[in-house]
N, C-alpha and C. Protein backbone atom coordinates (compact mmCIF):
# COMPACT_ATOMS: atom_id res chain seq x y z
N MET A 1 2.36 -18.56 -10.71
CA MET A 1 3.53 -17.71 -10.63
C MET A 1 3.20 -16.50 -9.76
N PHE A 2 4.12 -16.14 -8.89
CA PHE A 2 4.00 -14.98 -8.01
C PHE A 2 4.33 -13.72 -8.81
N ARG A 3 3.47 -12.71 -8.73
CA ARG A 3 3.69 -11.49 -9.50
C ARG A 3 3.68 -10.27 -8.58
N LEU A 4 4.82 -9.57 -8.52
CA LEU A 4 4.99 -8.36 -7.71
C LEU A 4 5.32 -7.21 -8.65
N VAL A 5 4.60 -6.11 -8.51
CA VAL A 5 4.81 -4.92 -9.34
C VAL A 5 5.01 -3.74 -8.41
N THR A 6 5.89 -2.82 -8.77
CA THR A 6 6.08 -1.62 -7.97
C THR A 6 6.04 -0.40 -8.89
N LEU A 7 5.44 0.67 -8.37
CA LEU A 7 5.24 1.89 -9.17
C LEU A 7 5.52 3.14 -8.35
N ASN A 8 6.08 4.15 -9.00
CA ASN A 8 6.16 5.48 -8.43
C ASN A 8 4.97 6.23 -9.00
N LEU A 9 3.98 6.54 -8.17
CA LEU A 9 2.74 7.13 -8.65
C LEU A 9 2.82 8.62 -8.90
N ASN A 10 3.69 9.31 -8.17
CA ASN A 10 3.75 10.77 -8.25
C ASN A 10 2.37 11.36 -7.98
N GLY A 11 1.70 10.81 -6.99
CA GLY A 11 0.35 11.23 -6.59
C GLY A 11 -0.69 10.24 -7.09
N ILE A 12 -1.40 9.60 -6.17
CA ILE A 12 -2.35 8.56 -6.56
C ILE A 12 -3.54 9.12 -7.32
N ARG A 13 -3.98 10.33 -6.98
CA ARG A 13 -5.12 10.91 -7.72
C ARG A 13 -4.72 11.23 -9.15
N SER A 14 -3.50 11.75 -9.31
CA SER A 14 -2.99 12.04 -10.66
C SER A 14 -2.84 10.75 -11.46
N ALA A 15 -2.27 9.73 -10.81
CA ALA A 15 -2.09 8.44 -11.48
C ALA A 15 -3.44 7.83 -11.87
N ALA A 16 -4.44 7.99 -11.01
CA ALA A 16 -5.77 7.46 -11.31
C ALA A 16 -6.37 8.14 -12.53
N SER A 17 -6.12 9.44 -12.67
CA SER A 17 -6.66 10.16 -13.83
C SER A 17 -5.96 9.75 -15.13
N LYS A 18 -4.80 9.08 -14.98
CA LYS A 18 -4.04 8.62 -16.15
C LYS A 18 -4.18 7.12 -16.37
N GLY A 19 -5.12 6.46 -15.65
CA GLY A 19 -5.40 5.06 -15.91
C GLY A 19 -4.80 4.05 -14.94
N PHE A 20 -4.26 4.50 -13.79
CA PHE A 20 -3.64 3.58 -12.84
C PHE A 20 -4.61 2.49 -12.37
N VAL A 21 -5.82 2.87 -12.00
CA VAL A 21 -6.76 1.90 -11.45
C VAL A 21 -7.12 0.84 -12.49
N GLU A 22 -7.40 1.25 -13.70
CA GLU A 22 -7.72 0.31 -14.77
C GLU A 22 -6.52 -0.60 -15.06
N TRP A 23 -5.33 -0.02 -15.10
CA TRP A 23 -4.12 -0.80 -15.33
C TRP A 23 -3.92 -1.83 -14.22
N ALA A 24 -4.15 -1.42 -12.97
CA ALA A 24 -3.96 -2.33 -11.83
C ALA A 24 -4.89 -3.53 -11.93
N HIS A 25 -6.12 -3.30 -12.40
CA HIS A 25 -7.05 -4.42 -12.59
C HIS A 25 -6.50 -5.41 -13.62
N GLU A 26 -5.90 -4.91 -14.67
CA GLU A 26 -5.38 -5.76 -15.76
C GLU A 26 -4.04 -6.40 -15.43
N ALA A 27 -3.30 -5.83 -14.48
CA ALA A 27 -1.95 -6.32 -14.16
C ALA A 27 -1.95 -7.73 -13.58
N ASP A 28 -3.04 -8.14 -12.95
CA ASP A 28 -3.16 -9.47 -12.36
C ASP A 28 -2.00 -9.77 -11.42
N ALA A 29 -1.64 -8.78 -10.59
CA ALA A 29 -0.53 -8.93 -9.66
C ALA A 29 -1.01 -9.48 -8.32
N ASP A 30 -0.11 -10.15 -7.61
CA ASP A 30 -0.38 -10.59 -6.25
C ASP A 30 -0.15 -9.44 -5.28
N PHE A 31 0.84 -8.61 -5.60
CA PHE A 31 1.18 -7.43 -4.80
C PHE A 31 1.53 -6.28 -5.74
N ILE A 32 1.08 -5.08 -5.39
CA ILE A 32 1.51 -3.88 -6.10
C ILE A 32 2.02 -2.90 -5.05
N GLY A 33 3.31 -2.64 -5.09
CA GLY A 33 3.92 -1.66 -4.19
C GLY A 33 3.83 -0.28 -4.83
N VAL A 34 3.41 0.71 -4.06
CA VAL A 34 3.29 2.07 -4.59
C VAL A 34 4.07 3.03 -3.70
N GLN A 35 4.71 3.99 -4.33
CA GLN A 35 5.42 5.03 -3.58
C GLN A 35 4.99 6.38 -4.11
N GLU A 36 5.27 7.42 -3.34
CA GLU A 36 4.83 8.78 -3.64
C GLU A 36 3.33 8.83 -3.85
N VAL A 37 2.59 8.30 -2.87
CA VAL A 37 1.14 8.27 -2.91
C VAL A 37 0.58 9.70 -2.85
N ARG A 38 1.15 10.54 -2.00
CA ARG A 38 0.77 11.96 -1.87
C ARG A 38 -0.71 12.16 -1.64
N ALA A 39 -1.24 11.47 -0.64
CA ALA A 39 -2.65 11.61 -0.27
C ALA A 39 -2.78 11.36 1.23
N GLN A 40 -3.87 11.81 1.79
CA GLN A 40 -4.19 11.59 3.20
C GLN A 40 -5.21 10.47 3.29
N ALA A 41 -5.42 9.96 4.50
CA ALA A 41 -6.35 8.84 4.71
C ALA A 41 -7.74 9.16 4.19
N GLU A 42 -8.20 10.38 4.39
CA GLU A 42 -9.55 10.73 3.93
C GLU A 42 -9.65 10.74 2.40
N ASP A 43 -8.53 10.96 1.70
CA ASP A 43 -8.52 10.91 0.24
C ASP A 43 -8.55 9.47 -0.27
N MET A 44 -8.05 8.55 0.53
CA MET A 44 -7.92 7.15 0.13
C MET A 44 -9.21 6.36 0.37
N ALA A 45 -9.88 6.65 1.49
CA ALA A 45 -11.04 5.87 1.94
C ALA A 45 -12.14 5.82 0.87
N GLY A 46 -12.54 4.59 0.55
CA GLY A 46 -13.62 4.38 -0.39
C GLY A 46 -13.24 4.56 -1.85
N ARG A 47 -12.04 5.04 -2.10
CA ARG A 47 -11.63 5.26 -3.49
C ARG A 47 -10.40 4.45 -3.87
N PHE A 48 -9.39 4.47 -3.01
CA PHE A 48 -8.12 3.80 -3.33
C PHE A 48 -7.72 2.76 -2.28
N ASP A 49 -8.57 2.53 -1.29
CA ASP A 49 -8.19 1.56 -0.24
C ASP A 49 -8.25 0.12 -0.74
N ARG A 50 -8.95 -0.10 -1.84
CA ARG A 50 -9.01 -1.43 -2.46
C ARG A 50 -9.08 -1.22 -3.97
N ILE A 51 -8.31 -2.05 -4.69
CA ILE A 51 -8.37 -2.03 -6.16
C ILE A 51 -8.62 -3.47 -6.59
N GLY A 52 -9.83 -3.72 -7.06
CA GLY A 52 -10.20 -5.09 -7.44
C GLY A 52 -10.02 -6.02 -6.26
N PRO A 53 -9.31 -7.14 -6.44
CA PRO A 53 -9.12 -8.09 -5.34
C PRO A 53 -7.99 -7.71 -4.39
N LEU A 54 -7.33 -6.58 -4.62
CA LEU A 54 -6.17 -6.19 -3.82
C LEU A 54 -6.56 -5.17 -2.76
N GLN A 55 -6.26 -5.50 -1.50
CA GLN A 55 -6.51 -4.58 -0.39
C GLN A 55 -5.28 -3.72 -0.17
N GLY A 56 -5.47 -2.42 -0.01
CA GLY A 56 -4.34 -1.52 0.20
C GLY A 56 -3.97 -1.38 1.66
N HIS A 57 -2.68 -1.30 1.92
CA HIS A 57 -2.12 -1.08 3.25
C HIS A 57 -1.12 0.06 3.08
N PHE A 58 -1.29 1.14 3.84
CA PHE A 58 -0.53 2.35 3.56
C PHE A 58 0.16 2.91 4.80
N HIS A 59 1.25 3.59 4.55
CA HIS A 59 1.90 4.44 5.54
C HIS A 59 1.99 5.81 4.87
N LEU A 60 1.01 6.65 5.19
CA LEU A 60 0.86 7.92 4.50
C LEU A 60 1.59 9.02 5.25
N ALA A 61 2.06 10.00 4.51
CA ALA A 61 2.74 11.14 5.10
C ALA A 61 1.76 11.92 5.97
N GLN A 62 2.26 12.50 7.04
CA GLN A 62 1.40 13.28 7.92
C GLN A 62 1.13 14.68 7.35
N LYS A 63 2.06 15.17 6.52
CA LYS A 63 1.93 16.48 5.92
C LYS A 63 1.32 16.37 4.53
N LYS A 64 0.33 17.20 4.23
CA LYS A 64 -0.31 17.16 2.91
C LYS A 64 0.70 17.42 1.81
N GLY A 65 0.55 16.67 0.70
CA GLY A 65 1.42 16.86 -0.45
C GLY A 65 2.73 16.11 -0.39
N TYR A 66 3.02 15.47 0.75
CA TYR A 66 4.27 14.73 0.88
C TYR A 66 4.05 13.28 0.49
N ALA A 67 5.15 12.59 0.24
CA ALA A 67 5.10 11.20 -0.21
C ALA A 67 4.51 10.30 0.87
N GLY A 68 4.10 9.15 0.47
CA GLY A 68 3.65 8.07 1.34
C GLY A 68 3.85 6.80 0.53
N VAL A 69 3.79 5.66 1.19
CA VAL A 69 3.99 4.39 0.50
C VAL A 69 2.84 3.45 0.81
N GLY A 70 2.70 2.43 -0.02
CA GLY A 70 1.65 1.46 0.23
C GLY A 70 1.92 0.15 -0.47
N LEU A 71 1.16 -0.83 -0.09
CA LEU A 71 1.24 -2.14 -0.71
C LEU A 71 -0.17 -2.66 -0.88
N TYR A 72 -0.54 -2.95 -2.11
CA TYR A 72 -1.81 -3.62 -2.39
C TYR A 72 -1.52 -5.10 -2.39
N ALA A 73 -2.28 -5.87 -1.61
CA ALA A 73 -2.03 -7.30 -1.45
C ALA A 73 -3.30 -8.11 -1.72
N ARG A 74 -3.12 -9.22 -2.41
CA ARG A 74 -4.24 -10.11 -2.72
C ARG A 74 -4.75 -10.81 -1.45
N HIS A 75 -3.84 -11.10 -0.50
CA HIS A 75 -4.21 -11.77 0.76
C HIS A 75 -3.90 -10.85 1.93
N GLU A 76 -4.72 -10.91 2.94
CA GLU A 76 -4.51 -10.12 4.15
C GLU A 76 -3.26 -10.63 4.87
N PRO A 77 -2.32 -9.73 5.18
CA PRO A 77 -1.10 -10.18 5.88
C PRO A 77 -1.42 -10.58 7.32
N SER A 78 -0.61 -11.47 7.87
CA SER A 78 -0.82 -11.91 9.24
C SER A 78 -0.41 -10.83 10.23
N VAL A 79 0.57 -10.00 9.87
CA VAL A 79 1.04 -8.91 10.73
C VAL A 79 1.38 -7.71 9.85
N LYS A 80 1.03 -6.51 10.32
CA LYS A 80 1.41 -5.28 9.63
C LYS A 80 2.27 -4.48 10.60
N ARG A 81 3.42 -4.03 10.15
CA ARG A 81 4.33 -3.28 11.01
C ARG A 81 4.69 -1.97 10.35
N CYS A 82 4.65 -0.90 11.11
CA CYS A 82 5.03 0.42 10.62
C CYS A 82 6.21 0.92 11.43
N GLY A 83 7.17 1.55 10.77
CA GLY A 83 8.26 2.17 11.48
C GLY A 83 9.60 1.52 11.19
N THR A 84 10.62 2.20 11.63
CA THR A 84 11.98 1.71 11.49
C THR A 84 12.77 2.12 12.73
N GLY A 85 14.00 1.71 12.78
CA GLY A 85 14.87 2.16 13.86
C GLY A 85 14.84 1.25 15.06
N GLU A 86 15.36 1.79 16.18
CA GLU A 86 15.45 1.04 17.42
C GLU A 86 14.07 0.56 17.86
N GLY A 87 14.02 -0.65 18.30
CA GLY A 87 12.75 -1.21 18.74
C GLY A 87 11.90 -1.73 17.59
N TYR A 88 12.17 -1.26 16.39
CA TYR A 88 11.53 -1.71 15.15
C TYR A 88 10.02 -1.53 15.12
N LEU A 89 9.33 -1.88 16.17
CA LEU A 89 7.87 -1.81 16.13
C LEU A 89 7.36 -0.49 16.69
N ASN A 90 6.98 0.39 15.83
CA ASN A 90 6.31 1.60 16.26
C ASN A 90 4.81 1.35 16.34
N GLU A 91 4.35 0.42 15.55
CA GLU A 91 2.92 0.12 15.49
C GLU A 91 2.77 -1.30 14.96
N THR A 92 1.97 -2.11 15.59
CA THR A 92 1.72 -3.47 15.12
C THR A 92 0.22 -3.73 15.15
N GLN A 93 -0.26 -4.36 14.10
CA GLN A 93 -1.67 -4.76 14.05
C GLN A 93 -1.68 -6.22 13.62
N THR A 94 -2.54 -6.99 14.20
CA THR A 94 -2.64 -8.38 13.76
C THR A 94 -3.85 -8.53 12.86
N GLY A 95 -3.72 -9.39 11.89
CA GLY A 95 -4.80 -9.64 10.95
C GLY A 95 -5.04 -11.14 10.85
N SER A 96 -5.49 -11.58 9.71
CA SER A 96 -5.73 -13.01 9.52
C SER A 96 -4.40 -13.73 9.47
N SER A 97 -4.45 -15.04 9.55
CA SER A 97 -3.21 -15.81 9.61
C SER A 97 -2.72 -16.27 8.24
N ARG A 98 -3.28 -15.76 7.13
CA ARG A 98 -2.79 -16.21 5.84
C ARG A 98 -2.30 -15.05 5.03
N PRO A 99 -1.39 -15.18 4.14
CA PRO A 99 -0.49 -16.31 4.07
C PRO A 99 0.54 -16.23 5.20
N PRO A 100 0.97 -17.35 5.73
CA PRO A 100 1.87 -17.34 6.88
C PRO A 100 3.20 -16.68 6.56
N GLY A 101 3.69 -15.91 7.52
CA GLY A 101 5.00 -15.29 7.39
C GLY A 101 5.05 -14.01 6.58
N LEU A 102 3.93 -13.57 6.02
CA LEU A 102 3.95 -12.34 5.22
C LEU A 102 4.07 -11.14 6.16
N ARG A 103 5.00 -10.26 5.85
CA ARG A 103 5.18 -9.03 6.63
C ARG A 103 5.15 -7.85 5.70
N ILE A 104 4.53 -6.80 6.14
CA ILE A 104 4.56 -5.54 5.40
C ILE A 104 5.35 -4.57 6.24
N ARG A 105 6.40 -4.05 5.69
CA ARG A 105 7.24 -3.12 6.41
C ARG A 105 7.17 -1.79 5.68
N ARG A 106 6.73 -0.76 6.37
CA ARG A 106 6.59 0.55 5.74
C ARG A 106 7.48 1.55 6.46
N ALA A 107 8.12 2.38 5.70
CA ALA A 107 8.99 3.39 6.28
C ALA A 107 8.82 4.68 5.53
N GLU A 108 9.09 5.77 6.22
CA GLU A 108 9.00 7.09 5.60
C GLU A 108 10.24 7.87 6.01
N ALA A 109 10.92 8.41 5.02
CA ALA A 109 12.15 9.16 5.30
C ALA A 109 11.84 10.59 5.66
């Protein structure tokens, strides 16, 4: 069975201090979508970029303290796309080819 979970973290460091990481290990999800990450890349590296078997993919806010979104995925997506609007692709990265057709779309208002 495919299991997708989504959470409003209200800050990933705060959520971690309240048991988010331990809960995520127990959730046995294929994907965990997170919003209001409220962290910068340097805060995520080595601490929140991977949780158990799930690799994190994020679109973080450029301003400190502002929201950001992410998706923890059990399998590496074939394509990661960031941005919205005309042209759709502001940034594209290619990854492994499994699972086929998986797209991660991240947007920030």
